[in-house]
Amino acid sequence: MEDLYQNLQVIRGADELLLDVRGQGEFVQGHIEGAVNIPHDAIQASHATELASYKKVHVFCFKGGRASMAVESLLALGVNHCVCIDENGMEYWYSKGYPVVKGS
């Protein structure tokens, strides 16, 4: 997440997507500006088509476990341009006091 924070402006301008795979309730409580929310257990084939248009998809959750599961699902659907942030997640982001947006 530190690398994500440090490169946020580059990522936003490089046709890359921030994919937050936490539940919608968690997402609404606070998320990274510009992130898209698809809960890890709701990923389906239609999402592969949407995600195919990005050069890279940065996948994260609260601690990393759901991000790993989401990337496995996405890989099975043919989305091979994922960066899995599984060593930490929004827990780290919050602990650093990085900015979040509340609401959907």
PDB file of N, CA and C in Angstrom:
ATOM      1  N   MET A   1       0.831  -1.196   0.000  1.00  0.00           N
ATOM      2  CA  MET A   1       0.000   0.000   0.000  1.00  0.00           C
ATOM      3  C   MET A   1       0.868   1.250   0.000  1.00  0.00           C
ATOM      4  N   GLU A   2       2.041   1.155   0.557  1.00  0.00           N
ATOM      5  CA  GLU A   2       2.943   2.316   0.547  1.00  0.00           C
ATOM      6  C   GLU A   2       3.292   2.690  -0.891  1.00  0.00           C
ATOM      7  N   ASP A   3       3.635   1.689  -1.712  1.00  0.00           N
ATOM      8  CA  ASP A   3       3.933   1.942  -3.123  1.00  0.00           C
ATOM      9  C   ASP A   3       2.722   2.520  -3.843  1.00  0.00           C
ATOM     10  N   LEU A   4       1.564   2.002  -3.525  1.00  0.00           N
ATOM     11  CA  LEU A   4       0.337   2.508  -4.134  1.00  0.00           C
ATOM     12  C   LEU A   4       0.160   3.985  -3.795  1.00  0.00           C
ATOM     13  N   TYR A   5       0.337   4.319  -2.530  1.00  0.00           N
ATOM     14  CA  TYR A   5       0.190   5.706  -2.106  1.00  0.00           C
ATOM     15  C   TYR A   5       1.217   6.604  -2.802  1.00  0.00           C
ATOM     16  N   GLN A   6       2.467   6.159  -2.848  1.00  0.00           N
ATOM     17  CA  GLN A   6       3.542   6.946  -3.450  1.00  0.00           C
ATOM     18  C   GLN A   6       3.324   7.173  -4.948  1.00  0.00           C
ATOM     19  N   ASN A   7       2.659   6.225  -5.602  1.00  0.00           N
ATOM     20  CA  ASN A   7       2.474   6.297  -7.058  1.00  0.00           C
ATOM     21  C   ASN A   7       1.042   6.592  -7.474  1.00  0.00           C
ATOM     22  N   LEU A   8       0.235   7.056  -6.557  1.00  0.00           N
ATOM     23  CA  LEU A   8      -1.188   7.251  -6.819  1.00  0.00           C
ATOM     24  C   LEU A   8      -1.454   8.172  -8.005  1.00  0.00           C
ATOM     25  N   GLN A   9      -0.765   9.271  -8.109  1.00  0.00           N
ATOM     26  CA  GLN A   9      -1.002  10.197  -9.216  1.00  0.00           C
ATOM     27  C   GLN A   9      -0.630   9.567 -10.560  1.00  0.00           C
ATOM     28  N   VAL A  10       0.453   8.812 -10.587  1.00  0.00           N
ATOM     29  CA  VAL A  10       0.877   8.131 -11.821  1.00  0.00           C
ATOM     30  C   VAL A  10      -0.156   7.075 -12.208  1.00  0.00           C
ATOM     31  N   ILE A  11      -0.600   6.313 -11.230  1.00  0.00           N
ATOM     32  CA  ILE A  11      -1.585   5.250 -11.480  1.00  0.00           C
ATOM     33  C   ILE A  11      -2.872   5.837 -12.045  1.00  0.00           C
ATOM     34  N   ARG A  12      -3.343   6.920 -11.467  1.00  0.00           N
ATOM     35  CA  ARG A  12      -4.589   7.538 -11.932  1.00  0.00           C
ATOM     36  C   ARG A  12      -4.474   8.052 -13.355  1.00  0.00           C
ATOM     37  N   GLY A  13      -3.304   8.479 -13.760  1.00  0.00           N
ATOM     38  CA  GLY A  13      -3.123   9.007 -15.107  1.00  0.00           C
ATOM     39  C   GLY A  13      -2.672   7.979 -16.120  1.00  0.00           C
ATOM     40  N   ALA A  14      -2.544   6.717 -15.701  1.00  0.00           N
ATOM     41  CA  ALA A  14      -1.971   5.704 -16.583  1.00  0.00           C
ATOM     42  C   ALA A  14      -2.963   4.628 -16.998  1.00  0.00           C
ATOM     43  N   ASP A  15      -4.243   4.934 -16.988  1.00  0.00           N
ATOM     44  CA  ASP A  15      -5.262   3.967 -17.370  1.00  0.00           C
ATOM     45  C   ASP A  15      -5.171   2.693 -16.537  1.00  0.00           C
ATOM     46  N   GLU A  16      -4.964   2.892 -15.226  1.00  0.00           N
ATOM     47  CA  GLU A  16      -4.925   1.792 -14.287  1.00  0.00           C
ATOM     48  C   GLU A  16      -6.098   1.945 -13.324  1.00  0.00           C
ATOM     49  N   LEU A  17      -6.529   0.836 -12.750  1.00  0.00           N
ATOM     50  CA  LEU A  17      -7.701   0.838 -11.885  1.00  0.00           C
ATOM     51  C   LEU A  17      -7.327   0.423 -10.472  1.00  0.00           C
ATOM     52  N   LEU A  18      -7.903   1.113  -9.500  1.00  0.00           N
ATOM     53  CA  LEU A  18      -7.811   0.717  -8.096  1.00  0.00           C
ATOM     54  C   LEU A  18      -9.070  -0.077  -7.794  1.00  0.00           C
ATOM     55  N   LEU A  19      -8.918  -1.363  -7.511  1.00  0.00           N
ATOM     56  CA  LEU A  19     -10.060  -2.241  -7.268  1.00  0.00           C
ATOM     57  C   LEU A  19     -10.092  -2.663  -5.803  1.00  0.00           C
ATOM     58  N   ASP A  20     -11.044  -2.132  -5.083  1.00  0.00           N
ATOM     59  CA  ASP A  20     -11.243  -2.419  -3.670  1.00  0.00           C
ATOM     60  C   ASP A  20     -12.243  -3.572  -3.580  1.00  0.00           C
ATOM     61  N   VAL A  21     -11.803  -4.711  -3.061  1.00  0.00           N
ATOM     62  CA  VAL A  21     -12.661  -5.896  -3.046  1.00  0.00           C
ATOM     63  C   VAL A  21     -13.273  -6.172  -1.662  1.00  0.00           C
ATOM     64  N   ARG A  22     -13.298  -5.154  -0.804  1.00  0.00           N
ATOM     65  CA  ARG A  22     -13.989  -5.291   0.485  1.00  0.00           C
ATOM     66  C   ARG A  22     -15.492  -5.246   0.246  1.00  0.00           C
ATOM     67  N   GLY A  23     -16.245  -5.557   1.265  1.00  0.00           N
ATOM     68  CA  GLY A  23     -17.697  -5.459   1.171  1.00  0.00           C
ATOM     69  C   GLY A  23     -18.125  -4.014   0.999  1.00  0.00           C
ATOM     70  N   GLN A  24     -19.316  -3.809   0.452  1.00  0.00           N
ATOM     71  CA  GLN A  24     -19.779  -2.452   0.193  1.00  0.00           C
ATOM     72  C   GLN A  24     -19.871  -1.617   1.463  1.00  0.00           C
ATOM     73  N   GLY A  25     -20.276  -2.230   2.576  1.00  0.00           N
ATOM     74  CA  GLY A  25     -20.352  -1.499   3.837  1.00  0.00           C
ATOM     75  C   GLY A  25     -19.001  -0.956   4.264  1.00  0.00           C
ATOM     76  N   GLU A  26     -17.957  -1.756   4.101  1.00  0.00           N
ATOM     77  CA  GLU A  26     -16.594  -1.307   4.421  1.00  0.00           C
ATOM     78  C   GLU A  26     -16.162  -0.191   3.475  1.00  0.00           C
ATOM     79  N   PHE A  27     -16.483  -0.357   2.207  1.00  0.00           N
ATOM     80  CA  PHE A  27     -16.108   0.616   1.184  1.00  0.00           C
ATOM     81  C   PHE A  27     -16.716   1.982   1.497  1.00  0.00           C
ATOM     82  N   VAL A  28     -17.983   1.993   1.844  1.00  0.00           N
ATOM     83  CA  VAL A  28     -18.690   3.240   2.137  1.00  0.00           C
ATOM     84  C   VAL A  28     -18.103   3.937   3.366  1.00  0.00           C
ATOM     85  N   GLN A  29     -17.601   3.162   4.318  1.00  0.00           N
ATOM     86  CA  GLN A  29     -17.005   3.728   5.530  1.00  0.00           C
ATOM     87  C   GLN A  29     -15.745   4.541   5.225  1.00  0.00           C
ATOM     88  N   GLY A  30     -15.060   4.207   4.139  1.00  0.00           N
ATOM     89  CA  GLY A  30     -13.860   4.943   3.744  1.00  0.00           C
ATOM     90  C   GLY A  30     -13.068   4.177   2.712  1.00  0.00           C
ATOM     91  N   HIS A  31     -12.777   4.840   1.594  1.00  0.00           N
ATOM     92  CA  HIS A  31     -12.029   4.198   0.511  1.00  0.00           C
ATOM     93  C   HIS A  31     -11.110   5.216  -0.166  1.00  0.00           C
ATOM     94  N   ILE A  32     -10.203   4.710  -0.979  1.00  0.00           N
ATOM     95  CA  ILE A  32      -9.287   5.562  -1.723  1.00  0.00           C
ATOM     96  C   ILE A  32     -10.079   6.253  -2.837  1.00  0.00           C
ATOM     97  N   GLU A  33      -9.868   7.544  -2.982  1.00  0.00           N
ATOM     98  CA  GLU A  33     -10.563   8.293  -4.024  1.00  0.00           C
ATOM     99  C   GLU A  33     -10.302   7.671  -5.392  1.00  0.00           C
ATOM    100  N   GLY A  34     -11.367   7.455  -6.130  1.00  0.00           N
ATOM    101  CA  GLY A  34     -11.263   6.892  -7.468  1.00  0.00           C
ATOM    102  C   GLY A  34     -11.310   5.374  -7.517  1.00  0.00           C
ATOM    103  N   ALA A  35     -11.282   4.727  -6.358  1.00  0.00           N
ATOM    104  CA  ALA A  35     -11.338   3.264  -6.328  1.00  0.00           C
ATOM    105  C   ALA A  35     -12.731   2.783  -6.725  1.00  0.00           C
ATOM    106  N   VAL A  36     -12.760   1.609  -7.333  1.00  0.00           N
ATOM    107  CA  VAL A  36     -14.003   0.942  -7.708  1.00  0.00           C
ATOM    108  C   VAL A  36     -14.190  -0.220  -6.747  1.00  0.00           C
ATOM    109  N   ASN A  37     -15.420  -0.449  -6.326  1.00  0.00           N
ATOM    110  CA  ASN A  37     -15.704  -1.523  -5.379  1.00  0.00           C
ATOM    111  C   ASN A  37     -16.429  -2.665  -6.060  1.00  0.00           C
ATOM    112  N   ILE A  38     -15.787  -3.829  -6.038  1.00  0.00           N
ATOM    113  CA  ILE A  38     -16.433  -5.085  -6.417  1.00  0.00           C
ATOM    114  C   ILE A  38     -16.047  -6.069  -5.313  1.00  0.00           C
ATOM    115  N   PRO A  39     -16.981  -6.417  -4.434  1.00  0.00           N
ATOM    116  CA  PRO A  39     -16.642  -7.349  -3.367  1.00  0.00           C
ATOM    117  C   PRO A  39     -16.054  -8.651  -3.933  1.00  0.00           C
ATOM    118  N   HIS A  40     -15.075  -9.197  -3.227  1.00  0.00           N
ATOM    119  CA  HIS A  40     -14.357 -10.376  -3.726  1.00  0.00           C
ATOM    120  C   HIS A  40     -15.284 -11.541  -4.033  1.00  0.00           C
ATOM    121  N   ASP A  41     -16.359 -11.681  -3.282  1.00  0.00           N
ATOM    122  CA  ASP A  41     -17.261 -12.810  -3.491  1.00  0.00           C
ATOM    123  C   ASP A  41     -18.368 -12.515  -4.513  1.00  0.00           C
ATOM    124  N   ALA A  42     -18.271 -11.364  -5.176  1.00  0.00           N
ATOM    125  CA  ALA A  42     -19.263 -11.002  -6.193  1.00  0.00           C
ATOM    126  C   ALA A  42     -18.650 -10.916  -7.591  1.00  0.00           C
ATOM    127  N   ILE A  43     -17.371 -11.239  -7.710  1.00  0.00           N
ATOM    128  CA  ILE A  43     -16.700 -11.160  -9.016  1.00  0.00           C
ATOM    129  C   ILE A  43     -17.274 -12.221  -9.941  1.00  0.00           C
ATOM    130  N   GLN A  44     -17.611 -11.779 -11.158  1.00  0.00           N
ATOM    131  CA  GLN A  44     -18.168 -12.687 -12.149  1.00  0.00           C
ATOM    132  C   GLN A  44     -17.651 -12.342 -13.540  1.00  0.00           C
ATOM    133  N   ALA A  45     -18.010 -13.127 -14.514  1.00  0.00           N
ATOM    134  CA  ALA A  45     -17.486 -12.987 -15.874  1.00  0.00           C
ATOM    135  C   ALA A  45     -17.709 -11.592 -16.456  1.00  0.00           C
ATOM    136  N   SER A  46     -18.819 -10.962 -16.148  1.00  0.00           N
ATOM    137  CA  SER A  46     -19.084  -9.631 -16.702  1.00  0.00           C
ATOM    138  C   SER A  46     -18.039  -8.620 -16.234  1.00  0.00           C
ATOM    139  N   HIS A  47     -17.457  -8.833 -15.066  1.00  0.00           N
ATOM    140  CA  HIS A  47     -16.418  -7.923 -14.584  1.00  0.00           C
ATOM    141  C   HIS A  47     -15.142  -8.045 -15.411  1.00  0.00           C
ATOM    142  N   ALA A  48     -14.870  -9.239 -15.932  1.00  0.00           N
ATOM    143  CA  ALA A  48     -13.665  -9.442 -16.742  1.00  0.00           C
ATOM    144  C   ALA A  48     -13.694  -8.524 -17.964  1.00  0.00           C
ATOM    145  N   THR A  49     -14.855  -8.386 -18.569  1.00  0.00           N
ATOM    146  CA  THR A  49     -14.993  -7.511 -19.735  1.00  0.00           C
ATOM    147  C   THR A  49     -14.716  -6.060 -19.356  1.00  0.00           C
ATOM    148  N   GLU A  50     -15.263  -5.620 -18.225  1.00  0.00           N
ATOM    149  CA  GLU A  50     -15.035  -4.252 -17.754  1.00  0.00           C
ATOM    150  C   GLU A  50     -13.559  -4.003 -17.452  1.00  0.00           C
ATOM    151  N   LEU A  51     -12.917  -4.949 -16.796  1.00  0.00           N
ATOM    152  CA  LEU A  51     -11.537  -4.780 -16.347  1.00  0.00           C
ATOM    153  C   LEU A  51     -10.513  -4.931 -17.467  1.00  0.00           C
ATOM    154  N   ALA A  52     -10.931  -5.545 -18.577  1.00  0.00           N
ATOM    155  CA  ALA A  52     -10.014  -5.760 -19.696  1.00  0.00           C
ATOM    156  C   ALA A  52      -9.526  -4.456 -20.316  1.00  0.00           C
ATOM    157  N   SER A  53     -10.258  -3.378 -20.137  1.00  0.00           N
ATOM    158  CA  SER A  53      -9.891  -2.109 -20.764  1.00  0.00           C
ATOM    159  C   SER A  53      -8.758  -1.376 -20.036  1.00  0.00           C
ATOM    160  N   TYR A  54      -8.381  -1.851 -18.857  1.00  0.00           N
ATOM    161  CA  TYR A  54      -7.312  -1.194 -18.097  1.00  0.00           C
ATOM    162  C   TYR A  54      -5.973  -1.873 -18.350  1.00  0.00           C
ATOM    163  N   LYS A  55      -4.915  -1.061 -18.299  1.00  0.00           N
ATOM    164  CA  LYS A  55      -3.568  -1.616 -18.448  1.00  0.00           C
ATOM    165  C   LYS A  55      -3.199  -2.462 -17.242  1.00  0.00           C
ATOM    166  N   LYS A  56      -3.624  -2.032 -16.067  1.00  0.00           N
ATOM    167  CA  LYS A  56      -3.283  -2.727 -14.833  1.00  0.00           C
ATOM    168  C   LYS A  56      -4.410  -2.519 -13.834  1.00  0.00           C
ATOM    169  N   VAL A  57      -4.685  -3.553 -13.047  1.00  0.00           N
ATOM    170  CA  VAL A  57      -5.713  -3.484 -12.013  1.00  0.00           C
ATOM    171  C   VAL A  57      -5.044  -3.786 -10.670  1.00  0.00           C
ATOM    172  N   HIS A  58      -5.042  -2.794  -9.785  1.00  0.00           N
ATOM    173  CA  HIS A  58      -4.453  -2.934  -8.448  1.00  0.00           C
ATOM    174  C   HIS A  58      -5.559  -3.410  -7.509  1.00  0.00           C
ATOM    175  N   VAL A  59      -5.433  -4.632  -6.991  1.00  0.00           N
ATOM    176  CA  VAL A  59      -6.482  -5.263  -6.197  1.00  0.00           C
ATOM    177  C   VAL A  59      -6.084  -5.264  -4.716  1.00  0.00           C
ATOM    178  N   PHE A  60      -6.966  -4.749  -3.881  1.00  0.00           N
ATOM    179  CA  PHE A  60      -6.673  -4.692  -2.449  1.00  0.00           C
ATOM    180  C   PHE A  60      -7.945  -4.849  -1.633  1.00  0.00           C
ATOM    181  N   CYS A  61      -7.760  -5.136  -0.341  1.00  0.00           N
ATOM    182  CA  CYS A  61      -8.881  -5.269   0.596  1.00  0.00           C
ATOM    183  C   CYS A  61      -8.463  -4.634   1.923  1.00  0.00           C
ATOM    184  N   PHE A  62      -8.840  -5.208   3.039  1.00  0.00           N
ATOM    185  CA  PHE A  62      -8.486  -4.631   4.337  1.00  0.00           C
ATOM    186  C   PHE A  62      -7.108  -5.102   4.802  1.00  0.00           C
ATOM    187  N   LYS A  63      -6.865  -6.407   4.730  1.00  0.00           N
ATOM    188  CA  LYS A  63      -5.580  -6.953   5.177  1.00  0.00           C
ATOM    189  C   LYS A  63      -4.827  -7.710   4.089  1.00  0.00           C
ATOM    190  N   GLY A  64      -5.506  -8.169   3.061  1.00  0.00           N
ATOM    191  CA  GLY A  64      -4.834  -8.866   1.971  1.00  0.00           C
ATOM    192  C   GLY A  64      -5.430 -10.190   1.563  1.00  0.00           C
ATOM    193  N   GLY A  65      -6.140 -10.862   2.453  1.00  0.00           N
ATOM    194  CA  GLY A  65      -6.685 -12.179   2.143  1.00  0.00           C
ATOM    195  C   GLY A  65      -7.719 -12.185   1.039  1.00  0.00           C
ATOM    196  N   ARG A  66      -8.647 -11.252   1.101  1.00  0.00           N
ATOM    197  CA  ARG A  66      -9.689 -11.194   0.065  1.00  0.00           C
ATOM    198  C   ARG A  66      -9.121 -10.739  -1.268  1.00  0.00           C
ATOM    199  N   ALA A  67      -8.080  -9.927  -1.226  1.00  0.00           N
ATOM    200  CA  ALA A  67      -7.431  -9.508  -2.477  1.00  0.00           C
ATOM    201  C   ALA A  67      -6.849 -10.724  -3.197  1.00  0.00           C
ATOM    202  N   SER A  68      -6.226 -11.615  -2.446  1.00  0.00           N
ATOM    203  CA  SER A  68      -5.671 -12.838  -3.042  1.00  0.00           C
ATOM    204  C   SER A  68      -6.764 -13.684  -3.678  1.00  0.00           C
ATOM    205  N   MET A  69      -7.876 -13.844  -2.969  1.00  0.00           N
ATOM    206  CA  MET A  69      -8.996 -14.623  -3.516  1.00  0.00           C
ATOM    207  C   MET A  69      -9.556 -13.958  -4.776  1.00  0.00           C
ATOM    208  N   ALA A  70      -9.670 -12.633  -4.744  1.00  0.00           N
ATOM    209  CA  ALA A  70     -10.209 -11.909  -5.898  1.00  0.00           C
ATOM    210  C   ALA A  70      -9.306 -12.063  -7.112  1.00  0.00           C
ATOM    211  N   VAL A  71      -8.000 -11.974  -6.902  1.00  0.00           N
ATOM    212  CA  VAL A  71      -7.068 -12.116  -8.030  1.00  0.00           C
ATOM    213  C   VAL A  71      -7.158 -13.527  -8.608  1.00  0.00           C
ATOM    214  N   GLU A  72      -7.286 -14.539  -7.754  1.00  0.00           N
ATOM    215  CA  GLU A  72      -7.462 -15.902  -8.265  1.00  0.00           C
ATOM    216  C   GLU A  72      -8.705 -15.983  -9.146  1.00  0.00           C
ATOM    217  N   SER A  73      -9.798 -15.387  -8.705  1.00  0.00           N
ATOM    218  CA  SER A  73     -11.031 -15.382  -9.501  1.00  0.00           C
ATOM    219  C   SER A  73     -10.832 -14.650 -10.820  1.00  0.00           C
ATOM    220  N   LEU A  74     -10.166 -13.500 -10.756  1.00  0.00           N
ATOM    221  CA  LEU A  74      -9.946 -12.713 -11.970  1.00  0.00           C
ATOM    222  C   LEU A  74      -9.036 -13.440 -12.950  1.00  0.00           C
ATOM    223  N   LEU A  75      -7.991 -14.083 -12.440  1.00  0.00           N
ATOM    224  CA  LEU A  75      -7.097 -14.860 -13.314  1.00  0.00           C
ATOM    225  C   LEU A  75      -7.869 -15.979 -14.012  1.00  0.00           C
ATOM    226  N   ALA A  76      -8.760 -16.638 -13.281  1.00  0.00           N
ATOM    227  CA  ALA A  76      -9.576 -17.707 -13.860  1.00  0.00           C
ATOM    228  C   ALA A  76     -10.496 -17.182 -14.963  1.00  0.00           C
ATOM    229  N   LEU A  77     -10.826 -15.890 -14.882  1.00  0.00           N
ATOM    230  CA  LEU A  77     -11.682 -15.261 -15.896  1.00  0.00           C
ATOM    231  C   LEU A  77     -10.873 -14.630 -17.026  1.00  0.00           C
ATOM    232  N   GLY A  78      -9.546 -14.769 -16.960  1.00  0.00           N
ATOM    233  CA  GLY A  78      -8.688 -14.249 -18.023  1.00  0.00           C
ATOM    234  C   GLY A  78      -8.167 -12.847 -17.805  1.00  0.00           C
ATOM    235  N   VAL A  79      -8.367 -12.287 -16.629  1.00  0.00           N
ATOM    236  CA  VAL A  79      -7.841 -10.949 -16.325  1.00  0.00           C
ATOM    237  C   VAL A  79      -6.435 -11.143 -15.757  1.00  0.00           C
ATOM    238  N   ASN A  80      -5.438 -10.997 -16.619  1.00  0.00           N
ATOM    239  CA  ASN A  80      -4.063 -11.321 -16.257  1.00  0.00           C
ATOM    240  C   ASN A  80      -3.214 -10.115 -15.890  1.00  0.00           C
ATOM    241  N   HIS A  81      -3.792  -8.951 -15.885  1.00  0.00           N
ATOM    242  CA  HIS A  81      -3.017  -7.736 -15.629  1.00  0.00           C
ATOM    243  C   HIS A  81      -3.328  -7.153 -14.247  1.00  0.00           C
ATOM    244  N   CYS A  82      -3.392  -8.047 -13.251  1.00  0.00           N
ATOM    245  CA  CYS A  82      -3.685  -7.645 -11.880  1.00  0.00           C
ATOM    246  C   CYS A  82      -2.408  -7.518 -11.058  1.00  0.00           C
ATOM    247  N   VAL A  83      -2.412  -6.568 -10.168  1.00  0.00           N
ATOM    248  CA  VAL A  83      -1.376  -6.448  -9.148  1.00  0.00           C
ATOM    249  C   VAL A  83      -2.079  -6.715  -7.831  1.00  0.00           C
ATOM    250  N   CYS A  84      -1.717  -7.801  -7.184  1.00  0.00           N
ATOM    251  CA  CYS A  84      -2.359  -8.180  -5.927  1.00  0.00           C
ATOM    252  C   CYS A  84      -1.607  -7.553  -4.761  1.00  0.00           C
ATOM    253  N   ILE A  85      -2.303  -6.722  -4.006  1.00  0.00           N
ATOM    254  CA  ILE A  85      -1.728  -6.115  -2.810  1.00  0.00           C
ATOM    255  C   ILE A  85      -2.201  -6.968  -1.643  1.00  0.00           C
ATOM    256  N   ASP A  86      -1.427  -8.021  -1.365  1.00  0.00           N
ATOM    257  CA  ASP A  86      -1.853  -8.982  -0.351  1.00  0.00           C
ATOM    258  C   ASP A  86      -1.004  -8.954   0.916  1.00  0.00           C
ATOM    259  N   GLU A  87      -0.015  -8.074   0.972  1.00  0.00           N
ATOM    260  CA  GLU A  87       0.793  -8.004   2.187  1.00  0.00           C
ATOM    261  C   GLU A  87       0.156  -7.096   3.236  1.00  0.00           C
ATOM    262  N   ASN A  88      -0.745  -6.265   2.828  1.00  0.00           N
ATOM    263  CA  ASN A  88      -1.500  -5.377   3.722  1.00  0.00           C
ATOM    264  C   ASN A  88      -2.628  -4.776   2.899  1.00  0.00           C
ATOM    265  N   GLY A  89      -3.270  -3.774   3.384  1.00  0.00           N
ATOM    266  CA  GLY A  89      -4.382  -3.196   2.637  1.00  0.00           C
ATOM    267  C   GLY A  89      -4.854  -1.919   3.283  1.00  0.00           C
ATOM    268  N   MET A  90      -6.163  -1.749   3.314  1.00  0.00           N
ATOM    269  CA  MET A  90      -6.721  -0.526   3.867  1.00  0.00           C
ATOM    270  C   MET A  90      -6.401  -0.373   5.354  1.00  0.00           C
ATOM    271  N   GLU A  91      -6.181  -1.463   6.052  1.00  0.00           N
ATOM    272  CA  GLU A  91      -5.770  -1.362   7.451  1.00  0.00           C
ATOM    273  C   GLU A  91      -4.497  -0.517   7.548  1.00  0.00           C
ATOM    274  N   TYR A  92      -3.546  -0.787   6.673  1.00  0.00           N
ATOM    275  CA  TYR A  92      -2.299  -0.029   6.630  1.00  0.00           C
ATOM    276  C   TYR A  92      -2.573   1.418   6.211  1.00  0.00           C
ATOM    277  N   TRP A  93      -3.387   1.591   5.189  1.00  0.00           N
ATOM    278  CA  TRP A  93      -3.727   2.914   4.660  1.00  0.00           C
ATOM    279  C   TRP A  93      -4.298   3.798   5.776  1.00  0.00           C
ATOM    280  N   TYR A  94      -5.260   3.222   6.526  1.00  0.00           N
ATOM    281  CA  TYR A  94      -5.851   3.961   7.643  1.00  0.00           C
ATOM    282  C   TYR A  94      -4.808   4.290   8.707  1.00  0.00           C
ATOM    283  N   SER A  95      -3.936   3.324   9.031  1.00  0.00           N
ATOM    284  CA  SER A  95      -2.944   3.529  10.091  1.00  0.00           C
ATOM    285  C   SER A  95      -1.964   4.647   9.749  1.00  0.00           C
ATOM    286  N   LYS A  96      -1.752   4.885   8.473  1.00  0.00           N
ATOM    287  CA  LYS A  96      -0.848   5.948   8.027  1.00  0.00           C
ATOM    288  C   LYS A  96      -1.554   7.301   7.938  1.00  0.00           C
ATOM    289  N   GLY A  97      -2.871   7.287   8.069  1.00  0.00           N
ATOM    290  CA  GLY A  97      -3.626   8.536   7.979  1.00  0.00           C
ATOM    291  C   GLY A  97      -3.762   9.059   6.560  1.00  0.00           C
ATOM    292  N   TYR A  98      -3.603   8.171   5.582  1.00  0.00           N
ATOM    293  CA  TYR A  98      -3.757   8.572   4.186  1.00  0.00           C
ATOM    294  C   TYR A  98      -5.216   8.954   3.931  1.00  0.00           C
ATOM    295  N   PRO A  99      -5.460   9.822   2.961  1.00  0.00           N
ATOM    296  CA  PRO A  99      -6.832  10.317   2.743  1.00  0.00           C
ATOM    297  C   PRO A  99      -7.794   9.239   2.251  1.00  0.00           C
ATOM    298  N   VAL A 100      -9.020   9.337   2.736  1.00  0.00           N
ATOM    299  CA  VAL A 100     -10.097   8.449   2.278  1.00  0.00           C
ATOM    300  C   VAL A 100     -11.334   9.285   1.963  1.00  0.00           C
ATOM    301  N   VAL A 101     -12.181   8.683   1.170  1.00  0.00           N
ATOM    302  CA  VAL A 101     -13.470   9.280   0.809  1.00  0.00           C
ATOM    303  C   VAL A 101     -14.535   8.402   1.454  1.00  0.00           C
ATOM    304  N   LYS A 102     -15.535   9.030   2.034  1.00  0.00           N
ATOM    305  CA  LYS A 102     -16.644   8.267   2.618  1.00  0.00           C
ATOM    306  C   LYS A 102     -17.851   8.347   1.709  1.00  0.00           C
ATOM    307  N   GLY A 103     -18.648   7.306   1.713  1.00  0.00           N
ATOM    308  CA  GLY A 103     -19.813   7.229   0.854  1.00  0.00           C
ATOM    309  C   GLY A 103     -19.532   6.337  -0.327  1.00  0.00           C
ATOM    310  N   SER A 104     -20.499   6.215  -1.204  1.00  0.00           N
ATOM    311  CA  SER A 104     -20.348   5.303  -2.344  1.00  0.00           C
ATOM    312  C   SER A 104     -19.687   5.954  -3.523  1.00  0.00           C
TER     313      SER A 104
END
